Amino acid sequence: MNRRTWITLVAAGPVAAAFDTNGQSGRPLKDVVADAERSFAGAMAARDLAAFASRISPEAVFFSNADGSQVLRGKTAIVEGWKRLFEGPTAPFSWLPDTAQVLDSGTLAMTTGPVRDPKGQVTGRFSSVWRLDGDGQWRVIFDRGCGCAG
């Protein structure tokens, strides 16, 4: 790499990185975000409220019931509202992404997928919007489930 190319890349670093469709590992960002969603869901399955909380943005908004009438704003309210779902040895539901997409800017993403009851039956779907924070971590900023099966 010549000196001019190196200087151009260094100067454009943050801008060039914003348009990179691959994460630091060279994997597609949609796969990185899907892994973040799986980690988020895995925290519920493992009954680990702290790990769950670590994936939530401080300014997140969660729609907490099927019709969207209850809204939890901010990480503290969300964790407090979800704490009861972490009681007991078995999660009351589970979810995994079947779709993930990332904006070309590489800073916002959306995941969707089925929600299942403890027996594995699909009871609805979720949609989560993720943001790449300054520390390089993907965190949920919007989350909503619906009781629509399938």
N, C-alpha and C. Protein backbone atom coordinates (compact mmCIF):
# COMPACT_ATOMS: atom_id res chain seq x y z
N MET A 1 0.86 -1.17 0.00
CA MET A 1 0.00 0.00 0.00
C MET A 1 0.90 1.22 0.00
N ASN A 2 0.63 2.16 -0.92
CA ASN A 2 1.46 3.35 -0.97
C ASN A 2 1.03 4.36 0.10
N ARG A 3 1.90 5.34 0.31
CA ARG A 3 1.66 6.32 1.38
C ARG A 3 0.35 7.09 1.17
N ARG A 4 0.04 7.47 -0.06
CA ARG A 4 -1.18 8.23 -0.35
C ARG A 4 -2.42 7.40 0.00
N THR A 5 -2.44 6.13 -0.37
CA THR A 5 -3.57 5.26 -0.06
C THR A 5 -3.72 5.12 1.45
N TRP A 6 -2.61 4.93 2.15
CA TRP A 6 -2.65 4.77 3.59
C TRP A 6 -3.21 6.01 4.26
N ILE A 7 -2.75 7.20 3.84
CA ILE A 7 -3.23 8.45 4.43
C ILE A 7 -4.72 8.62 4.15
N THR A 8 -5.16 8.30 2.94
CA THR A 8 -6.57 8.40 2.59
C THR A 8 -7.42 7.48 3.46
N LEU A 9 -6.97 6.25 3.66
CA LEU A 9 -7.71 5.30 4.49
C LEU A 9 -7.77 5.75 5.95
N VAL A 10 -6.65 6.24 6.46
CA VAL A 10 -6.63 6.70 7.85
C VAL A 10 -7.57 7.88 8.01
N ALA A 11 -7.52 8.84 7.09
CA ALA A 11 -8.36 10.03 7.19
C ALA A 11 -9.84 9.68 7.06
N ALA A 12 -10.16 8.70 6.24
CA ALA A 12 -11.56 8.33 6.00
C ALA A 12 -12.03 7.21 6.91
N GLY A 13 -11.20 6.75 7.82
CA GLY A 13 -11.49 5.60 8.66
C GLY A 13 -12.90 5.47 9.14
N PRO A 14 -13.41 6.44 9.95
CA PRO A 14 -14.78 6.31 10.46
C PRO A 14 -15.82 6.28 9.36
N VAL A 15 -15.61 7.08 8.31
CA VAL A 15 -16.57 7.10 7.21
C VAL A 15 -16.53 5.79 6.46
N ALA A 16 -15.33 5.31 6.15
CA ALA A 16 -15.20 4.04 5.43
C ALA A 16 -15.78 2.91 6.26
N ALA A 17 -15.55 2.94 7.56
CA ALA A 17 -16.06 1.87 8.42
C ALA A 17 -17.58 1.86 8.44
N ALA A 18 -18.19 3.03 8.34
CA ALA A 18 -19.65 3.11 8.37
C ALA A 18 -20.28 2.42 7.17
N PHE A 19 -19.56 2.33 6.09
CA PHE A 19 -20.11 1.72 4.89
C PHE A 19 -19.61 0.29 4.68
N ASP A 20 -18.88 -0.23 5.65
CA ASP A 20 -18.38 -1.59 5.58
C ASP A 20 -19.54 -2.54 5.88
N THR A 21 -19.78 -3.51 5.00
CA THR A 21 -20.88 -4.45 5.22
C THR A 21 -20.44 -5.65 6.03
N ASN A 22 -19.18 -5.69 6.42
CA ASN A 22 -18.66 -6.78 7.22
C ASN A 22 -18.25 -6.27 8.58
N GLY A 23 -18.40 -7.10 9.58
CA GLY A 23 -17.97 -6.74 10.92
C GLY A 23 -16.47 -6.89 11.05
N GLN A 24 -15.96 -6.68 12.25
CA GLN A 24 -14.53 -6.77 12.49
C GLN A 24 -13.99 -8.15 12.14
N SER A 25 -14.81 -9.15 12.25
CA SER A 25 -14.38 -10.51 11.96
C SER A 25 -14.40 -10.81 10.47
N GLY A 26 -14.87 -9.85 9.66
CA GLY A 26 -15.01 -10.08 8.23
C GLY A 26 -16.30 -10.79 7.88
N ARG A 27 -17.11 -11.10 8.87
CA ARG A 27 -18.41 -11.73 8.63
C ARG A 27 -19.42 -10.68 8.24
N PRO A 28 -20.43 -11.02 7.47
CA PRO A 28 -21.48 -10.05 7.15
C PRO A 28 -22.11 -9.51 8.43
N LEU A 29 -22.37 -8.21 8.46
CA LEU A 29 -22.94 -7.59 9.65
C LEU A 29 -24.28 -8.19 10.03
N LYS A 30 -25.07 -8.63 9.04
CA LYS A 30 -26.36 -9.23 9.39
C LYS A 30 -26.16 -10.48 10.23
N ASP A 31 -25.06 -11.21 10.00
CA ASP A 31 -24.76 -12.39 10.82
C ASP A 31 -24.31 -11.99 12.22
N VAL A 32 -23.54 -10.90 12.30
CA VAL A 32 -23.09 -10.40 13.60
C VAL A 32 -24.31 -9.96 14.44
N VAL A 33 -25.24 -9.26 13.80
CA VAL A 33 -26.44 -8.81 14.51
C VAL A 33 -27.32 -10.01 14.90
N ALA A 34 -27.44 -10.98 14.01
CA ALA A 34 -28.22 -12.19 14.36
C ALA A 34 -27.59 -12.88 15.56
N ASP A 35 -26.26 -12.90 15.63
CA ASP A 35 -25.59 -13.48 16.80
C ASP A 35 -25.89 -12.68 18.07
N ALA A 36 -25.95 -11.35 17.95
CA ALA A 36 -26.30 -10.52 19.10
C ALA A 36 -27.71 -10.86 19.59
N GLU A 37 -28.63 -11.05 18.64
CA GLU A 37 -30.00 -11.43 19.00
C GLU A 37 -30.02 -12.80 19.68
N ARG A 38 -29.24 -13.75 19.14
CA ARG A 38 -29.18 -15.09 19.76
C ARG A 38 -28.60 -15.00 21.17
N SER A 39 -27.62 -14.13 21.37
CA SER A 39 -27.04 -13.93 22.71
C SER A 39 -28.08 -13.34 23.66
N PHE A 40 -28.84 -12.37 23.16
CA PHE A 40 -29.90 -11.74 23.92
C PHE A 40 -30.94 -12.79 24.35
N ALA A 41 -31.39 -13.60 23.40
CA ALA A 41 -32.34 -14.67 23.70
C ALA A 41 -31.73 -15.72 24.61
N GLY A 42 -30.46 -16.01 24.41
CA GLY A 42 -29.76 -17.00 25.23
C GLY A 42 -29.69 -16.57 26.69
N ALA A 43 -29.62 -15.27 26.93
CA ALA A 43 -29.61 -14.78 28.31
C ALA A 43 -30.93 -15.11 29.00
N MET A 44 -32.03 -15.03 28.27
CA MET A 44 -33.34 -15.41 28.83
C MET A 44 -33.34 -16.90 29.15
N ALA A 45 -32.89 -17.70 28.21
CA ALA A 45 -32.88 -19.16 28.40
C ALA A 45 -31.99 -19.55 29.57
N ALA A 46 -30.88 -18.84 29.75
CA ALA A 46 -29.94 -19.13 30.84
C ALA A 46 -30.36 -18.49 32.16
N ARG A 47 -31.45 -17.70 32.12
CA ARG A 47 -31.99 -17.02 33.29
C ARG A 47 -30.98 -15.99 33.82
N ASP A 48 -30.27 -15.32 32.92
CA ASP A 48 -29.21 -14.37 33.26
C ASP A 48 -29.67 -12.95 32.95
N LEU A 49 -30.29 -12.32 33.93
CA LEU A 49 -30.84 -10.98 33.75
C LEU A 49 -29.75 -9.96 33.45
N ALA A 50 -28.58 -10.10 34.05
CA ALA A 50 -27.49 -9.14 33.80
C ALA A 50 -27.02 -9.21 32.34
N ALA A 51 -26.89 -10.41 31.80
CA ALA A 51 -26.49 -10.55 30.39
C ALA A 51 -27.58 -10.00 29.48
N PHE A 52 -28.82 -10.24 29.82
CA PHE A 52 -29.95 -9.69 29.07
C PHE A 52 -29.87 -8.16 29.07
N ALA A 53 -29.68 -7.58 30.23
CA ALA A 53 -29.62 -6.13 30.37
C ALA A 53 -28.46 -5.52 29.58
N SER A 54 -27.37 -6.24 29.46
CA SER A 54 -26.20 -5.70 28.76
C SER A 54 -26.45 -5.48 27.27
N ARG A 55 -27.49 -6.10 26.73
CA ARG A 55 -27.83 -5.96 25.31
C ARG A 55 -28.88 -4.87 25.06
N ILE A 56 -29.30 -4.15 26.10
CA ILE A 56 -30.34 -3.14 25.97
C ILE A 56 -29.71 -1.75 26.04
N SER A 57 -30.05 -0.90 25.09
CA SER A 57 -29.59 0.49 25.09
C SER A 57 -30.22 1.24 26.27
N PRO A 58 -29.48 2.18 26.86
CA PRO A 58 -30.07 2.98 27.94
C PRO A 58 -31.34 3.72 27.53
N GLU A 59 -31.49 4.02 26.24
CA GLU A 59 -32.67 4.76 25.78
C GLU A 59 -33.67 3.89 25.02
N ALA A 60 -33.60 2.60 25.21
CA ALA A 60 -34.47 1.67 24.49
C ALA A 60 -35.94 1.88 24.81
N VAL A 61 -36.77 1.41 23.87
CA VAL A 61 -38.22 1.41 24.03
C VAL A 61 -38.71 0.00 23.71
N PHE A 62 -39.39 -0.62 24.65
CA PHE A 62 -39.98 -1.94 24.45
C PHE A 62 -41.50 -1.83 24.54
N PHE A 63 -42.18 -2.37 23.55
CA PHE A 63 -43.63 -2.49 23.58
C PHE A 63 -43.90 -3.81 24.28
N SER A 64 -44.52 -3.75 25.46
CA SER A 64 -44.54 -4.92 26.33
C SER A 64 -45.79 -5.77 26.30
N ASN A 65 -46.73 -5.47 25.47
CA ASN A 65 -47.87 -6.37 25.34
C ASN A 65 -48.30 -6.40 23.88
N ALA A 66 -49.10 -7.36 23.54
CA ALA A 66 -49.43 -7.64 22.13
C ALA A 66 -50.03 -6.45 21.40
N ASP A 67 -50.83 -5.63 22.07
CA ASP A 67 -51.45 -4.51 21.35
C ASP A 67 -50.60 -3.24 21.38
N GLY A 68 -49.44 -3.30 22.04
CA GLY A 68 -48.54 -2.15 22.06
C GLY A 68 -48.95 -1.04 23.00
N SER A 69 -49.96 -1.28 23.83
CA SER A 69 -50.46 -0.22 24.70
C SER A 69 -49.57 0.03 25.91
N GLN A 70 -48.76 -0.93 26.30
CA GLN A 70 -47.82 -0.73 27.40
C GLN A 70 -46.43 -0.54 26.82
N VAL A 71 -45.82 0.59 27.14
CA VAL A 71 -44.50 0.90 26.62
C VAL A 71 -43.55 1.09 27.79
N LEU A 72 -42.43 0.40 27.73
CA LEU A 72 -41.38 0.57 28.73
C LEU A 72 -40.28 1.40 28.08
N ARG A 73 -39.92 2.52 28.71
CA ARG A 73 -38.91 3.43 28.17
C ARG A 73 -37.68 3.44 29.05
N GLY A 74 -36.55 3.16 28.43
CA GLY A 74 -35.27 3.17 29.14
C GLY A 74 -34.90 1.82 29.70
N LYS A 75 -33.62 1.58 29.75
CA LYS A 75 -33.08 0.29 30.19
C LYS A 75 -33.57 -0.08 31.59
N THR A 76 -33.56 0.88 32.51
CA THR A 76 -33.96 0.59 33.88
C THR A 76 -35.40 0.10 33.95
N ALA A 77 -36.31 0.77 33.27
CA ALA A 77 -37.73 0.37 33.27
C ALA A 77 -37.91 -0.98 32.59
N ILE A 78 -37.17 -1.20 31.51
CA ILE A 78 -37.28 -2.48 30.79
C ILE A 78 -36.81 -3.63 31.65
N VAL A 79 -35.65 -3.48 32.26
CA VAL A 79 -35.12 -4.56 33.11
C VAL A 79 -36.06 -4.81 34.28
N GLU A 80 -36.57 -3.75 34.88
CA GLU A 80 -37.53 -3.91 35.99
C GLU A 80 -38.80 -4.61 35.51
N GLY A 81 -39.29 -4.23 34.34
CA GLY A 81 -40.49 -4.83 33.79
C GLY A 81 -40.33 -6.28 33.38
N TRP A 82 -39.12 -6.65 32.97
CA TRP A 82 -38.85 -8.02 32.52
C TRP A 82 -38.32 -8.93 33.64
N LYS A 83 -37.94 -8.36 34.77
CA LYS A 83 -37.33 -9.14 35.85
C LYS A 83 -38.16 -10.35 36.24
N ARG A 84 -39.48 -10.19 36.31
CA ARG A 84 -40.36 -11.31 36.70
C ARG A 84 -40.29 -12.46 35.70
N LEU A 85 -39.95 -12.17 34.45
CA LEU A 85 -39.84 -13.22 33.43
C LEU A 85 -38.59 -14.09 33.60
N PHE A 86 -37.69 -13.63 34.49
CA PHE A 86 -36.46 -14.37 34.76
C PHE A 86 -36.57 -15.20 36.04
N GLU A 87 -37.72 -15.15 36.69
CA GLU A 87 -37.92 -15.95 37.90
C GLU A 87 -38.22 -17.38 37.50
N GLY A 88 -37.80 -18.31 38.31
CA GLY A 88 -38.05 -19.72 38.03
C GLY A 88 -36.99 -20.31 37.12
N PRO A 89 -36.96 -21.64 37.08
CA PRO A 89 -35.91 -22.33 36.34
C PRO A 89 -36.10 -22.38 34.82
N THR A 90 -37.33 -22.12 34.36
CA THR A 90 -37.62 -22.25 32.93
C THR A 90 -38.16 -20.93 32.38
N ALA A 91 -37.63 -20.54 31.24
CA ALA A 91 -38.11 -19.32 30.60
C ALA A 91 -39.56 -19.49 30.16
N PRO A 92 -40.38 -18.45 30.28
CA PRO A 92 -41.78 -18.55 29.88
C PRO A 92 -41.96 -18.55 28.36
N PHE A 93 -40.93 -18.15 27.64
CA PHE A 93 -40.96 -18.17 26.18
C PHE A 93 -39.52 -18.07 25.68
N SER A 94 -39.35 -18.32 24.40
CA SER A 94 -38.02 -18.20 23.78
C SER A 94 -38.20 -17.59 22.39
N TRP A 95 -37.10 -17.14 21.83
CA TRP A 95 -37.14 -16.58 20.49
C TRP A 95 -35.77 -16.73 19.83
N LEU A 96 -35.77 -16.77 18.53
CA LEU A 96 -34.54 -16.77 17.74
C LEU A 96 -34.81 -16.04 16.43
N PRO A 97 -33.82 -15.34 15.93
CA PRO A 97 -34.04 -14.62 14.68
C PRO A 97 -34.07 -15.56 13.48
N ASP A 98 -34.97 -15.29 12.55
CA ASP A 98 -34.91 -15.98 11.27
C ASP A 98 -34.55 -15.01 10.14
N THR A 99 -34.51 -13.72 10.49
CA THR A 99 -34.14 -12.69 9.53
C THR A 99 -33.36 -11.60 10.26
N ALA A 100 -32.33 -11.10 9.62
CA ALA A 100 -31.58 -9.94 10.12
C ALA A 100 -31.14 -9.13 8.91
N GLN A 101 -31.30 -7.83 9.01
CA GLN A 101 -30.85 -6.92 7.96
C GLN A 101 -30.19 -5.71 8.62
N VAL A 102 -29.18 -5.17 7.93
CA VAL A 102 -28.43 -4.02 8.43
C VAL A 102 -28.46 -2.92 7.38
N LEU A 103 -28.65 -1.68 7.84
CA LEU A 103 -28.57 -0.55 6.92
C LEU A 103 -27.19 -0.49 6.29
N ASP A 104 -27.10 0.08 5.11
CA ASP A 104 -25.80 0.22 4.44
C ASP A 104 -24.82 1.03 5.29
N SER A 105 -25.32 1.91 6.14
CA SER A 105 -24.44 2.69 7.02
C SER A 105 -23.74 1.80 8.04
N GLY A 106 -24.31 0.60 8.29
CA GLY A 106 -23.71 -0.32 9.26
C GLY A 106 -23.96 0.04 10.70
N THR A 107 -24.93 0.89 10.96
CA THR A 107 -25.16 1.35 12.33
C THR A 107 -26.52 0.96 12.91
N LEU A 108 -27.48 0.60 12.06
CA LEU A 108 -28.79 0.17 12.53
C LEU A 108 -29.15 -1.14 11.86
N ALA A 109 -29.86 -1.97 12.60
CA ALA A 109 -30.25 -3.28 12.07
C ALA A 109 -31.60 -3.68 12.64
N MET A 110 -32.22 -4.66 11.99
CA MET A 110 -33.48 -5.20 12.48
C MET A 110 -33.43 -6.71 12.42
N THR A 111 -33.94 -7.32 13.47
CA THR A 111 -34.07 -8.78 13.51
C THR A 111 -35.54 -9.12 13.74
N THR A 112 -35.95 -10.23 13.18
CA THR A 112 -37.31 -10.74 13.39
C THR A 112 -37.24 -12.25 13.48
N GLY A 113 -38.27 -12.82 14.08
CA GLY A 113 -38.33 -14.28 14.16
C GLY A 113 -39.48 -14.74 15.03
N PRO A 114 -39.61 -16.06 15.14
CA PRO A 114 -40.70 -16.62 15.92
C PRO A 114 -40.45 -16.57 17.43
N VAL A 115 -41.54 -16.46 18.17
CA VAL A 115 -41.54 -16.58 19.62
C VAL A 115 -42.22 -17.92 19.92
N ARG A 116 -41.62 -18.68 20.84
CA ARG A 116 -42.15 -20.02 21.15
C ARG A 116 -42.46 -20.14 22.64
N ASP A 117 -43.47 -20.93 22.93
CA ASP A 117 -43.78 -21.23 24.33
C ASP A 117 -42.80 -22.30 24.82
N PRO A 118 -42.84 -22.66 26.11
CA PRO A 118 -41.89 -23.65 26.63
C PRO A 118 -41.97 -25.02 25.95
N LYS A 119 -43.08 -25.32 25.30
CA LYS A 119 -43.21 -26.59 24.60
C LYS A 119 -42.68 -26.51 23.16
N GLY A 120 -42.28 -25.32 22.74
CA GLY A 120 -41.74 -25.15 21.40
C GLY A 120 -42.74 -24.72 20.34
N GLN A 121 -43.98 -24.50 20.76
CA GLN A 121 -45.01 -24.06 19.81
C GLN A 121 -44.86 -22.57 19.51
N VAL A 122 -44.98 -22.21 18.25
CA VAL A 122 -44.91 -20.80 17.87
C VAL A 122 -46.17 -20.09 18.36
N THR A 123 -45.95 -19.01 19.11
CA THR A 123 -47.07 -18.24 19.65
C THR A 123 -47.10 -16.80 19.13
N GLY A 124 -46.09 -16.42 18.40
CA GLY A 124 -46.03 -15.06 17.89
C GLY A 124 -44.72 -14.79 17.19
N ARG A 125 -44.46 -13.52 16.95
CA ARG A 125 -43.22 -13.08 16.30
C ARG A 125 -42.70 -11.86 17.04
N PHE A 126 -41.42 -11.63 16.94
CA PHE A 126 -40.81 -10.44 17.51
C PHE A 126 -40.12 -9.65 16.41
N SER A 127 -39.93 -8.38 16.67
CA SER A 127 -39.11 -7.51 15.84
C SER A 127 -38.27 -6.65 16.78
N SER A 128 -36.98 -6.62 16.53
CA SER A 128 -36.07 -5.80 17.33
C SER A 128 -35.24 -4.92 16.41
N VAL A 129 -35.05 -3.68 16.81
CA VAL A 129 -34.17 -2.76 16.10
C VAL A 129 -32.93 -2.61 16.96
N TRP A 130 -31.78 -2.79 16.33
CA TRP A 130 -30.48 -2.76 16.99
C TRP A 130 -29.67 -1.57 16.50
N ARG A 131 -28.86 -1.01 17.39
CA ARG A 131 -27.95 0.07 17.02
C ARG A 131 -26.53 -0.31 17.43
N LEU A 132 -25.59 -0.02 16.56
CA LEU A 132 -24.18 -0.23 16.89
C LEU A 132 -23.73 0.96 17.72
N ASP A 133 -23.41 0.72 18.98
CA ASP A 133 -23.00 1.79 19.88
C ASP A 133 -21.51 2.09 19.72
N GLY A 134 -21.10 3.21 20.28
CA GLY A 134 -19.72 3.68 20.17
C GLY A 134 -18.68 2.72 20.70
N ASP A 135 -19.09 1.82 21.60
CA ASP A 135 -18.15 0.84 22.15
C ASP A 135 -18.05 -0.41 21.29
N GLY A 136 -18.71 -0.40 20.12
CA GLY A 136 -18.65 -1.53 19.20
C GLY A 136 -19.65 -2.63 19.49
N GLN A 137 -20.55 -2.42 20.45
CA GLN A 137 -21.55 -3.42 20.80
C GLN A 137 -22.89 -3.08 20.17
N TRP A 138 -23.58 -4.12 19.70
CA TRP A 138 -24.94 -3.97 19.20
C TRP A 138 -25.89 -4.05 20.38
N ARG A 139 -26.79 -3.06 20.48
CA ARG A 139 -27.78 -3.05 21.56
C ARG A 139 -29.17 -2.78 20.99
N VAL A 140 -30.17 -3.37 21.62
CA VAL A 140 -31.55 -3.19 21.20
C VAL A 140 -31.99 -1.78 21.55
N ILE A 141 -32.64 -1.10 20.58
CA ILE A 141 -33.21 0.22 20.86
C ILE A 141 -34.74 0.20 20.77
N PHE A 142 -35.30 -0.71 19.99
CA PHE A 142 -36.76 -0.92 19.94
C PHE A 142 -37.03 -2.41 19.91
N ASP A 143 -38.07 -2.83 20.61
CA ASP A 143 -38.45 -4.24 20.61
C ASP A 143 -39.97 -4.34 20.69
N ARG A 144 -40.51 -5.24 19.88
CA ARG A 144 -41.95 -5.46 19.93
C ARG A 144 -42.26 -6.88 19.50
N GLY A 145 -43.13 -7.50 20.25
CA GLY A 145 -43.64 -8.81 19.88
C GLY A 145 -45.09 -8.70 19.48
N CYS A 146 -45.55 -9.66 18.75
CA CYS A 146 -46.98 -9.70 18.44
C CYS A 146 -47.47 -11.13 18.64
N GLY A 147 -48.72 -11.27 18.96
CA GLY A 147 -49.31 -12.57 19.19
C GLY A 147 -49.67 -13.29 17.90
N CYS A 148 -49.24 -12.75 16.80
CA CYS A 148 -49.54 -13.37 15.50
C CYS A 148 -48.67 -14.61 15.31
N ALA A 149 -49.27 -15.75 15.27
CA ALA A 149 -48.51 -17.00 15.11
C ALA A 149 -48.06 -17.15 13.65
N GLY A 150 -46.92 -17.80 13.51
CA GLY A 150 -46.43 -18.09 12.16
C GLY A 150 -45.30 -17.28 11.70
